[in-house]
Amino acid sequence: MPETPESLLARLESLGIPHVTHRHPPLHTVAESQALRGTLPGWHVRNLFLRPKNPGPFLLVTVEEETPLSINALARQLGMGRVSMASAEDLQRVLAVAPGSVTPLALVNANPGEVRAVMDRRLMSGDAPVNVHPLTNTATTALAPADLLRILALAGHAPEPLDLPLP
């Protein structure tokens, strides 16, 4: 049974992982997020869920929201060959989320090895919280980088650090 936003937040609580969750109207774009969030501190991200053209795992990319990104160049950098945006059906089947709700936290619903996760190295360390959707685009949850990585590791996923140009 896949995690829901409520069960995911309850799991964070049961594990003693500090987090702050803000409820808001549905957000579908970085621009909508920027317009609504006010002065919410920390890193703000965008996520891409990509399907490989050749057999292999899906790719979940999490980067700082303003980082310029070429999907084809990224796929080449990662040695993946050609990729395309995953379908809404893929999102639901693999991550159990709807379009607009892609988040690294959705890895709790993916089988280990089914998704290759890569994350902007800057998001993986330091003290600034990382703001991600808790499986729904009607909320944003702020987590310390180490705590985000911990919950992903417990789900069998360790994101690879990704070095990208600064925004």
N, C-alpha and C. Protein backbone atom coordinates (compact mmCIF):
# COMPACT_ATOMS: atom_id res chain seq x y z
N MET A 1 0.84 -1.18 0.00
CA MET A 1 0.00 0.00 0.00
C MET A 1 0.89 1.25 0.00
N PRO A 2 0.72 2.14 -0.97
CA PRO A 2 1.59 3.32 -1.01
C PRO A 2 1.32 4.28 0.14
N GLU A 3 2.35 5.03 0.47
CA GLU A 3 2.21 6.10 1.47
C GLU A 3 1.27 7.17 0.93
N THR A 4 0.56 7.81 1.82
CA THR A 4 -0.24 8.98 1.52
C THR A 4 0.45 10.17 2.17
N PRO A 5 0.04 11.39 1.82
CA PRO A 5 0.65 12.53 2.53
C PRO A 5 0.52 12.41 4.05
N GLU A 6 -0.63 11.98 4.51
CA GLU A 6 -0.86 11.88 5.95
C GLU A 6 0.02 10.81 6.58
N SER A 7 0.11 9.64 5.93
CA SER A 7 0.93 8.56 6.51
C SER A 7 2.41 8.90 6.43
N LEU A 8 2.82 9.62 5.38
CA LEU A 8 4.22 10.04 5.28
C LEU A 8 4.57 10.99 6.42
N LEU A 9 3.73 11.99 6.66
CA LEU A 9 4.00 12.94 7.75
C LEU A 9 3.98 12.23 9.10
N ALA A 10 3.09 11.25 9.25
CA ALA A 10 3.06 10.46 10.49
C ALA A 10 4.34 9.66 10.64
N ARG A 11 4.86 9.15 9.53
CA ARG A 11 6.12 8.39 9.59
C ARG A 11 7.27 9.30 10.01
N LEU A 12 7.32 10.51 9.47
CA LEU A 12 8.35 11.46 9.89
C LEU A 12 8.27 11.69 11.39
N GLU A 13 7.05 11.87 11.89
CA GLU A 13 6.85 12.06 13.34
C GLU A 13 7.35 10.85 14.13
N SER A 14 6.97 9.65 13.69
CA SER A 14 7.34 8.45 14.43
C SER A 14 8.85 8.22 14.44
N LEU A 15 9.52 8.70 13.39
CA LEU A 15 10.97 8.56 13.32
C LEU A 15 11.70 9.70 14.04
N GLY A 16 10.95 10.65 14.57
CA GLY A 16 11.56 11.78 15.24
C GLY A 16 12.25 12.74 14.29
N ILE A 17 11.80 12.79 13.04
CA ILE A 17 12.39 13.68 12.05
C ILE A 17 11.68 15.02 12.12
N PRO A 18 12.40 16.07 12.53
CA PRO A 18 11.77 17.39 12.60
C PRO A 18 11.40 17.89 11.21
N HIS A 19 10.24 18.47 11.11
CA HIS A 19 9.78 19.03 9.84
C HIS A 19 8.70 20.07 10.12
N VAL A 20 8.52 20.96 9.17
CA VAL A 20 7.46 21.96 9.24
C VAL A 20 6.71 21.86 7.93
N THR A 21 5.39 21.69 8.02
CA THR A 21 4.58 21.57 6.81
C THR A 21 3.63 22.76 6.72
N HIS A 22 3.62 23.37 5.54
CA HIS A 22 2.75 24.51 5.24
C HIS A 22 1.72 24.06 4.22
N ARG A 23 0.45 24.28 4.51
CA ARG A 23 -0.64 23.96 3.57
C ARG A 23 -0.88 25.17 2.68
N HIS A 24 -1.25 24.93 1.43
CA HIS A 24 -1.49 26.01 0.48
C HIS A 24 -2.33 25.48 -0.68
N PRO A 25 -2.81 26.38 -1.55
CA PRO A 25 -3.51 25.92 -2.75
C PRO A 25 -2.57 25.09 -3.62
N PRO A 26 -3.12 24.27 -4.52
CA PRO A 26 -2.25 23.46 -5.39
C PRO A 26 -1.27 24.32 -6.17
N LEU A 27 -0.02 23.85 -6.21
CA LEU A 27 1.03 24.52 -6.98
C LEU A 27 1.46 23.59 -8.11
N HIS A 28 1.54 24.13 -9.33
CA HIS A 28 1.92 23.31 -10.47
C HIS A 28 3.23 23.75 -11.11
N THR A 29 3.68 24.97 -10.78
CA THR A 29 4.89 25.49 -11.41
C THR A 29 5.76 26.17 -10.36
N VAL A 30 7.02 26.37 -10.71
CA VAL A 30 7.93 27.11 -9.84
C VAL A 30 7.41 28.54 -9.67
N ALA A 31 6.91 29.14 -10.73
CA ALA A 31 6.40 30.51 -10.64
C ALA A 31 5.25 30.61 -9.65
N GLU A 32 4.34 29.64 -9.65
CA GLU A 32 3.24 29.65 -8.68
C GLU A 32 3.78 29.53 -7.26
N SER A 33 4.77 28.69 -7.08
CA SER A 33 5.39 28.52 -5.76
C SER A 33 6.04 29.81 -5.29
N GLN A 34 6.78 30.45 -6.18
CA GLN A 34 7.46 31.70 -5.83
C GLN A 34 6.46 32.79 -5.44
N ALA A 35 5.34 32.84 -6.13
CA ALA A 35 4.34 33.87 -5.86
C ALA A 35 3.64 33.66 -4.52
N LEU A 36 3.57 32.43 -4.07
CA LEU A 36 2.78 32.11 -2.89
C LEU A 36 3.58 31.97 -1.60
N ARG A 37 4.84 31.62 -1.69
CA ARG A 37 5.58 31.20 -0.49
C ARG A 37 6.04 32.32 0.43
N GLY A 38 6.05 33.55 -0.02
CA GLY A 38 6.50 34.63 0.84
C GLY A 38 7.96 34.46 1.19
N THR A 39 8.26 34.46 2.48
CA THR A 39 9.64 34.40 2.95
C THR A 39 10.01 33.03 3.52
N LEU A 40 9.35 31.99 3.07
CA LEU A 40 9.66 30.64 3.54
C LEU A 40 11.14 30.36 3.34
N PRO A 41 11.91 30.12 4.42
CA PRO A 41 13.37 29.99 4.29
C PRO A 41 13.78 28.64 3.70
N GLY A 42 15.01 28.61 3.21
CA GLY A 42 15.61 27.37 2.76
C GLY A 42 15.65 27.23 1.26
N TRP A 43 16.05 26.03 0.85
CA TRP A 43 16.14 25.69 -0.57
C TRP A 43 14.75 25.39 -1.10
N HIS A 44 14.48 25.88 -2.29
CA HIS A 44 13.24 25.57 -3.00
C HIS A 44 13.64 24.82 -4.25
N VAL A 45 12.92 23.76 -4.56
CA VAL A 45 13.37 22.84 -5.59
C VAL A 45 12.35 22.67 -6.70
N ARG A 46 12.85 22.11 -7.78
CA ARG A 46 11.97 21.57 -8.82
C ARG A 46 12.43 20.15 -9.06
N ASN A 47 11.48 19.34 -9.47
CA ASN A 47 11.72 17.91 -9.64
C ASN A 47 11.27 17.48 -11.02
N LEU A 48 12.06 16.62 -11.64
CA LEU A 48 11.70 16.05 -12.93
C LEU A 48 11.71 14.53 -12.79
N PHE A 49 10.67 13.90 -13.31
CA PHE A 49 10.61 12.44 -13.31
C PHE A 49 10.68 12.01 -14.77
N LEU A 50 11.77 11.33 -15.11
CA LEU A 50 12.08 11.03 -16.50
C LEU A 50 12.08 9.53 -16.76
N ARG A 51 11.64 9.19 -17.96
CA ARG A 51 11.59 7.80 -18.41
C ARG A 51 12.72 7.58 -19.41
N PRO A 52 13.52 6.53 -19.22
CA PRO A 52 14.59 6.26 -20.19
C PRO A 52 14.00 5.67 -21.47
N LYS A 53 14.63 5.98 -22.60
CA LYS A 53 14.21 5.37 -23.87
C LYS A 53 14.63 3.91 -23.92
N ASN A 54 15.79 3.60 -23.34
CA ASN A 54 16.27 2.21 -23.30
C ASN A 54 15.88 1.61 -21.95
N PRO A 55 15.85 0.29 -21.85
CA PRO A 55 15.51 -0.32 -20.56
C PRO A 55 16.44 0.18 -19.45
N GLY A 56 15.85 0.41 -18.31
CA GLY A 56 16.61 0.88 -17.15
C GLY A 56 15.68 1.60 -16.19
N PRO A 57 16.23 2.06 -15.08
CA PRO A 57 15.39 2.73 -14.09
C PRO A 57 14.92 4.10 -14.57
N PHE A 58 13.80 4.53 -13.99
CA PHE A 58 13.36 5.91 -14.18
C PHE A 58 14.40 6.81 -13.54
N LEU A 59 14.32 8.10 -13.80
CA LEU A 59 15.25 9.07 -13.24
C LEU A 59 14.45 10.16 -12.54
N LEU A 60 14.73 10.37 -11.25
CA LEU A 60 14.14 11.47 -10.50
C LEU A 60 15.24 12.49 -10.24
N VAL A 61 15.06 13.68 -10.77
CA VAL A 61 16.05 14.75 -10.66
C VAL A 61 15.49 15.82 -9.73
N THR A 62 16.24 16.19 -8.70
CA THR A 62 15.84 17.25 -7.78
C THR A 62 16.95 18.30 -7.79
N VAL A 63 16.59 19.52 -8.20
CA VAL A 63 17.55 20.61 -8.29
C VAL A 63 16.97 21.86 -7.66
N GLU A 64 17.85 22.79 -7.33
CA GLU A 64 17.41 24.11 -6.86
C GLU A 64 16.56 24.70 -7.97
N GLU A 65 15.46 25.33 -7.60
CA GLU A 65 14.44 25.73 -8.56
C GLU A 65 14.91 26.63 -9.71
N GLU A 66 15.94 27.42 -9.51
CA GLU A 66 16.39 28.36 -10.54
C GLU A 66 17.55 27.82 -11.39
N THR A 67 17.97 26.59 -11.13
CA THR A 67 19.10 26.02 -11.84
C THR A 67 18.72 25.73 -13.29
N PRO A 68 19.46 26.31 -14.25
CA PRO A 68 19.19 25.97 -15.65
C PRO A 68 19.51 24.49 -15.88
N LEU A 69 18.68 23.83 -16.66
CA LEU A 69 18.84 22.40 -16.81
C LEU A 69 18.41 21.97 -18.21
N SER A 70 19.30 21.31 -18.91
CA SER A 70 18.99 20.67 -20.18
C SER A 70 18.80 19.19 -19.90
N ILE A 71 17.63 18.69 -20.16
CA ILE A 71 17.35 17.27 -19.89
C ILE A 71 18.28 16.37 -20.69
N ASN A 72 18.50 16.70 -21.96
CA ASN A 72 19.37 15.86 -22.78
C ASN A 72 20.81 15.90 -22.30
N ALA A 73 21.30 17.09 -21.94
CA ALA A 73 22.68 17.20 -21.43
C ALA A 73 22.81 16.45 -20.11
N LEU A 74 21.80 16.55 -19.26
CA LEU A 74 21.83 15.84 -17.98
C LEU A 74 21.86 14.33 -18.22
N ALA A 75 21.03 13.85 -19.11
CA ALA A 75 21.00 12.41 -19.40
C ALA A 75 22.37 11.94 -19.91
N ARG A 76 23.00 12.75 -20.77
CA ARG A 76 24.34 12.39 -21.25
C ARG A 76 25.33 12.38 -20.09
N GLN A 77 25.28 13.41 -19.23
CA GLN A 77 26.18 13.49 -18.08
C GLN A 77 26.04 12.25 -17.19
N LEU A 78 24.84 11.73 -17.08
CA LEU A 78 24.58 10.58 -16.22
C LEU A 78 24.73 9.24 -16.95
N GLY A 79 25.08 9.30 -18.24
CA GLY A 79 25.26 8.09 -19.01
C GLY A 79 23.98 7.31 -19.25
N MET A 80 22.88 8.02 -19.37
CA MET A 80 21.57 7.37 -19.48
C MET A 80 21.06 7.25 -20.90
N GLY A 81 21.70 7.88 -21.86
CA GLY A 81 21.11 7.89 -23.19
C GLY A 81 19.94 8.84 -23.23
N ARG A 82 19.00 8.56 -24.09
CA ARG A 82 17.84 9.46 -24.26
C ARG A 82 16.80 9.22 -23.18
N VAL A 83 16.19 10.31 -22.74
CA VAL A 83 15.11 10.24 -21.76
C VAL A 83 13.99 11.16 -22.21
N SER A 84 12.82 10.96 -21.65
CA SER A 84 11.68 11.85 -21.89
C SER A 84 10.92 12.00 -20.58
N MET A 85 10.03 12.97 -20.55
CA MET A 85 9.22 13.15 -19.35
C MET A 85 8.35 11.90 -19.17
N ALA A 86 8.28 11.42 -17.95
CA ALA A 86 7.44 10.27 -17.65
C ALA A 86 5.97 10.69 -17.74
N SER A 87 5.12 9.74 -18.02
CA SER A 87 3.69 10.01 -18.14
C SER A 87 3.03 10.10 -16.77
N ALA A 88 1.82 10.62 -16.76
CA ALA A 88 1.04 10.66 -15.53
C ALA A 88 0.81 9.25 -15.00
N GLU A 89 0.65 8.30 -15.91
CA GLU A 89 0.47 6.90 -15.49
C GLU A 89 1.74 6.36 -14.82
N ASP A 90 2.91 6.70 -15.38
CA ASP A 90 4.17 6.29 -14.75
C ASP A 90 4.30 6.90 -13.36
N LEU A 91 3.97 8.19 -13.24
CA LEU A 91 4.04 8.85 -11.93
C LEU A 91 3.19 8.12 -10.90
N GLN A 92 1.98 7.80 -11.29
CA GLN A 92 1.07 7.14 -10.36
C GLN A 92 1.54 5.73 -10.03
N ARG A 93 1.96 4.99 -11.04
CA ARG A 93 2.35 3.59 -10.84
C ARG A 93 3.63 3.46 -10.02
N VAL A 94 4.63 4.30 -10.30
CA VAL A 94 5.94 4.15 -9.67
C VAL A 94 6.06 4.95 -8.37
N LEU A 95 5.59 6.20 -8.38
CA LEU A 95 5.76 7.08 -7.22
C LEU A 95 4.47 7.30 -6.43
N ALA A 96 3.33 6.90 -6.99
CA ALA A 96 2.02 7.10 -6.37
C ALA A 96 1.73 8.58 -6.11
N VAL A 97 2.09 9.43 -7.08
CA VAL A 97 1.77 10.86 -7.01
C VAL A 97 1.19 11.30 -8.35
N ALA A 98 0.50 12.43 -8.30
CA ALA A 98 -0.08 13.03 -9.50
C ALA A 98 0.90 14.04 -10.09
N PRO A 99 0.74 14.39 -11.37
CA PRO A 99 1.56 15.46 -11.95
C PRO A 99 1.46 16.72 -11.08
N GLY A 100 2.59 17.40 -10.92
CA GLY A 100 2.64 18.58 -10.07
C GLY A 100 3.02 18.27 -8.64
N SER A 101 3.03 17.01 -8.27
CA SER A 101 3.35 16.60 -6.90
C SER A 101 4.64 15.80 -6.81
N VAL A 102 5.44 15.82 -7.88
CA VAL A 102 6.69 15.06 -7.86
C VAL A 102 7.60 15.63 -6.79
N THR A 103 8.23 14.76 -6.06
CA THR A 103 9.03 15.11 -4.90
C THR A 103 9.99 13.97 -4.60
N PRO A 104 11.15 14.26 -4.05
CA PRO A 104 12.02 13.14 -3.66
C PRO A 104 11.35 12.26 -2.60
N LEU A 105 10.45 12.83 -1.81
CA LEU A 105 9.77 12.02 -0.80
C LEU A 105 8.92 10.91 -1.42
N ALA A 106 8.55 11.05 -2.69
CA ALA A 106 7.77 10.00 -3.36
C ALA A 106 8.57 8.72 -3.53
N LEU A 107 9.88 8.79 -3.34
CA LEU A 107 10.69 7.57 -3.41
C LEU A 107 10.28 6.56 -2.35
N VAL A 108 9.59 6.99 -1.31
CA VAL A 108 9.10 6.03 -0.31
C VAL A 108 8.12 5.05 -0.94
N ASN A 109 7.55 5.41 -2.09
CA ASN A 109 6.59 4.54 -2.77
C ASN A 109 7.21 3.73 -3.91
N ALA A 110 8.47 3.95 -4.22
CA ALA A 110 9.13 3.25 -5.33
C ALA A 110 9.93 2.07 -4.80
N ASN A 111 9.98 1.04 -5.60
CA ASN A 111 10.80 -0.11 -5.24
C ASN A 111 12.27 0.25 -5.39
N PRO A 112 13.13 -0.20 -4.48
CA PRO A 112 14.56 0.04 -4.65
C PRO A 112 15.02 -0.44 -6.03
N GLY A 113 15.82 0.39 -6.70
CA GLY A 113 16.32 0.06 -8.02
C GLY A 113 15.40 0.46 -9.16
N GLU A 114 14.16 0.80 -8.86
CA GLU A 114 13.20 1.18 -9.89
C GLU A 114 13.41 2.62 -10.37
N VAL A 115 14.01 3.44 -9.49
CA VAL A 115 14.24 4.85 -9.80
C VAL A 115 15.67 5.19 -9.42
N ARG A 116 16.34 5.86 -10.33
CA ARG A 116 17.67 6.41 -10.04
C ARG A 116 17.43 7.87 -9.63
N ALA A 117 17.77 8.19 -8.41
CA ALA A 117 17.56 9.55 -7.91
C ALA A 117 18.87 10.32 -7.94
N VAL A 118 18.82 11.51 -8.47
CA VAL A 118 19.97 12.41 -8.43
C VAL A 118 19.50 13.73 -7.84
N MET A 119 20.36 14.33 -7.04
CA MET A 119 20.00 15.56 -6.34
C MET A 119 21.15 16.55 -6.39
N ASP A 120 20.81 17.77 -6.66
CA ASP A 120 21.77 18.88 -6.63
C ASP A 120 22.58 18.77 -5.34
N ARG A 121 23.88 18.67 -5.47
CA ARG A 121 24.76 18.47 -4.31
C ARG A 121 24.51 19.54 -3.24
N ARG A 122 24.21 20.76 -3.65
CA ARG A 122 24.01 21.85 -2.68
C ARG A 122 22.84 21.58 -1.75
N LEU A 123 21.88 20.78 -2.19
CA LEU A 123 20.70 20.47 -1.38
C LEU A 123 20.98 19.39 -0.33
N MET A 124 22.09 18.69 -0.49
CA MET A 124 22.36 17.51 0.32
C MET A 124 23.18 17.79 1.56
N SER A 125 23.57 19.02 1.78
CA SER A 125 24.39 19.33 2.96
C SER A 125 24.03 20.71 3.47
N GLY A 126 24.62 21.05 4.57
CA GLY A 126 24.38 22.37 5.14
C GLY A 126 23.21 22.37 6.10
N ASP A 127 22.88 23.57 6.54
CA ASP A 127 21.84 23.72 7.55
C ASP A 127 20.51 24.21 6.98
N ALA A 128 20.53 24.76 5.79
CA ALA A 128 19.30 25.32 5.21
C ALA A 128 18.31 24.19 4.92
N PRO A 129 17.05 24.36 5.32
CA PRO A 129 16.06 23.32 5.04
C PRO A 129 15.81 23.20 3.54
N VAL A 130 15.38 22.00 3.15
CA VAL A 130 14.97 21.73 1.78
C VAL A 130 13.45 21.65 1.80
N ASN A 131 12.81 22.44 0.96
CA ASN A 131 11.35 22.49 0.89
C ASN A 131 10.85 21.61 -0.24
N VAL A 132 10.07 20.59 0.12
CA VAL A 132 9.57 19.61 -0.85
C VAL A 132 8.09 19.34 -0.58
N HIS A 133 7.40 18.85 -1.60
CA HIS A 133 6.01 18.45 -1.40
C HIS A 133 5.98 17.13 -0.64
N PRO A 134 5.03 16.99 0.31
CA PRO A 134 4.87 15.72 1.02
C PRO A 134 3.86 14.82 0.28
N LEU A 135 4.16 14.51 -0.98
CA LEU A 135 3.34 13.66 -1.85
C LEU A 135 2.11 14.36 -2.41
N THR A 136 1.97 15.64 -2.14
CA THR A 136 0.85 16.42 -2.67
C THR A 136 1.33 17.84 -2.93
N ASN A 137 0.79 18.46 -3.98
CA ASN A 137 1.19 19.84 -4.27
C ASN A 137 0.34 20.86 -3.53
N THR A 138 -0.38 20.41 -2.52
CA THR A 138 -1.16 21.32 -1.67
C THR A 138 -0.47 21.56 -0.33
N ALA A 139 0.79 21.17 -0.25
CA ALA A 139 1.57 21.38 0.97
C ALA A 139 3.05 21.40 0.61
N THR A 140 3.82 22.05 1.47
CA THR A 140 5.27 22.08 1.36
C THR A 140 5.83 21.72 2.73
N THR A 141 6.77 20.78 2.74
CA THR A 141 7.39 20.35 3.99
C THR A 141 8.87 20.70 3.95
N ALA A 142 9.31 21.38 5.00
CA ALA A 142 10.72 21.75 5.14
C ALA A 142 11.42 20.71 6.01
N LEU A 143 12.53 20.18 5.48
CA LEU A 143 13.32 19.18 6.18
C LEU A 143 14.79 19.56 6.13
N ALA A 144 15.53 19.25 7.18
CA ALA A 144 16.98 19.39 7.13
C ALA A 144 17.50 18.43 6.07
N PRO A 145 18.55 18.81 5.33
CA PRO A 145 19.09 17.90 4.31
C PRO A 145 19.39 16.50 4.84
N ALA A 146 20.01 16.41 5.99
CA ALA A 146 20.35 15.09 6.54
C ALA A 146 19.10 14.27 6.83
N ASP A 147 18.03 14.92 7.25
CA ASP A 147 16.79 14.20 7.53
C ASP A 147 16.10 13.76 6.24
N LEU A 148 16.16 14.58 5.21
CA LEU A 148 15.62 14.18 3.91
C LEU A 148 16.37 12.95 3.41
N LEU A 149 17.68 12.99 3.47
CA LEU A 149 18.48 11.84 3.02
C LEU A 149 18.22 10.60 3.88
N ARG A 150 17.98 10.82 5.17
CA ARG A 150 17.71 9.68 6.07
C ARG A 150 16.41 8.98 5.69
N ILE A 151 15.35 9.72 5.45
CA ILE A 151 14.07 9.08 5.11
C ILE A 151 14.18 8.37 3.77
N LEU A 152 14.95 8.93 2.85
CA LEU A 152 15.12 8.27 1.55
C LEU A 152 15.94 6.99 1.71
N ALA A 153 16.98 7.03 2.54
CA ALA A 153 17.80 5.84 2.78
C ALA A 153 16.96 4.73 3.43
N LEU A 154 16.09 5.10 4.36
CA LEU A 154 15.22 4.12 5.00
C LEU A 154 14.28 3.46 3.99
N ALA A 155 13.96 4.18 2.91
CA ALA A 155 13.10 3.64 1.86
C ALA A 155 13.90 2.88 0.80
N GLY A 156 15.22 2.79 0.98
CA GLY A 156 16.05 2.04 0.05
C GLY A 156 16.57 2.85 -1.12
N HIS A 157 16.58 4.17 -0.96
CA HIS A 157 17.04 5.05 -2.04
C HIS A 157 18.08 6.03 -1.50
N ALA A 158 19.21 6.09 -2.13
CA ALA A 158 20.25 7.04 -1.76
C ALA A 158 20.52 7.92 -2.99
N PRO A 159 20.03 9.16 -2.99
CA PRO A 159 20.26 10.02 -4.16
C PRO A 159 21.74 10.24 -4.41
N GLU A 160 22.07 10.25 -5.70
CA GLU A 160 23.44 10.56 -6.12
C GLU A 160 23.60 12.07 -6.14
N PRO A 161 24.73 12.59 -5.63
CA PRO A 161 24.96 14.04 -5.72
C PRO A 161 25.20 14.45 -7.17
N LEU A 162 24.66 15.58 -7.52
CA LEU A 162 24.76 16.09 -8.88
C LEU A 162 25.36 17.48 -8.84
N ASP A 163 26.44 17.66 -9.59
CA ASP A 163 27.08 18.98 -9.68
C ASP A 163 26.53 19.69 -10.89
N LEU A 164 25.90 20.84 -10.67
CA LEU A 164 25.29 21.63 -11.72
C LEU A 164 25.78 23.06 -11.62
N PRO A 165 25.64 23.84 -12.69
CA PRO A 165 26.03 25.26 -12.61
C PRO A 165 25.17 26.01 -11.61
N LEU A 166 25.74 27.01 -10.97
CA LEU A 166 24.97 27.84 -10.05
C LEU A 166 23.97 28.68 -10.82
N PRO A 167 22.80 28.97 -10.21
CA PRO A 167 21.80 29.78 -10.90
C PRO A 167 22.27 31.21 -11.08
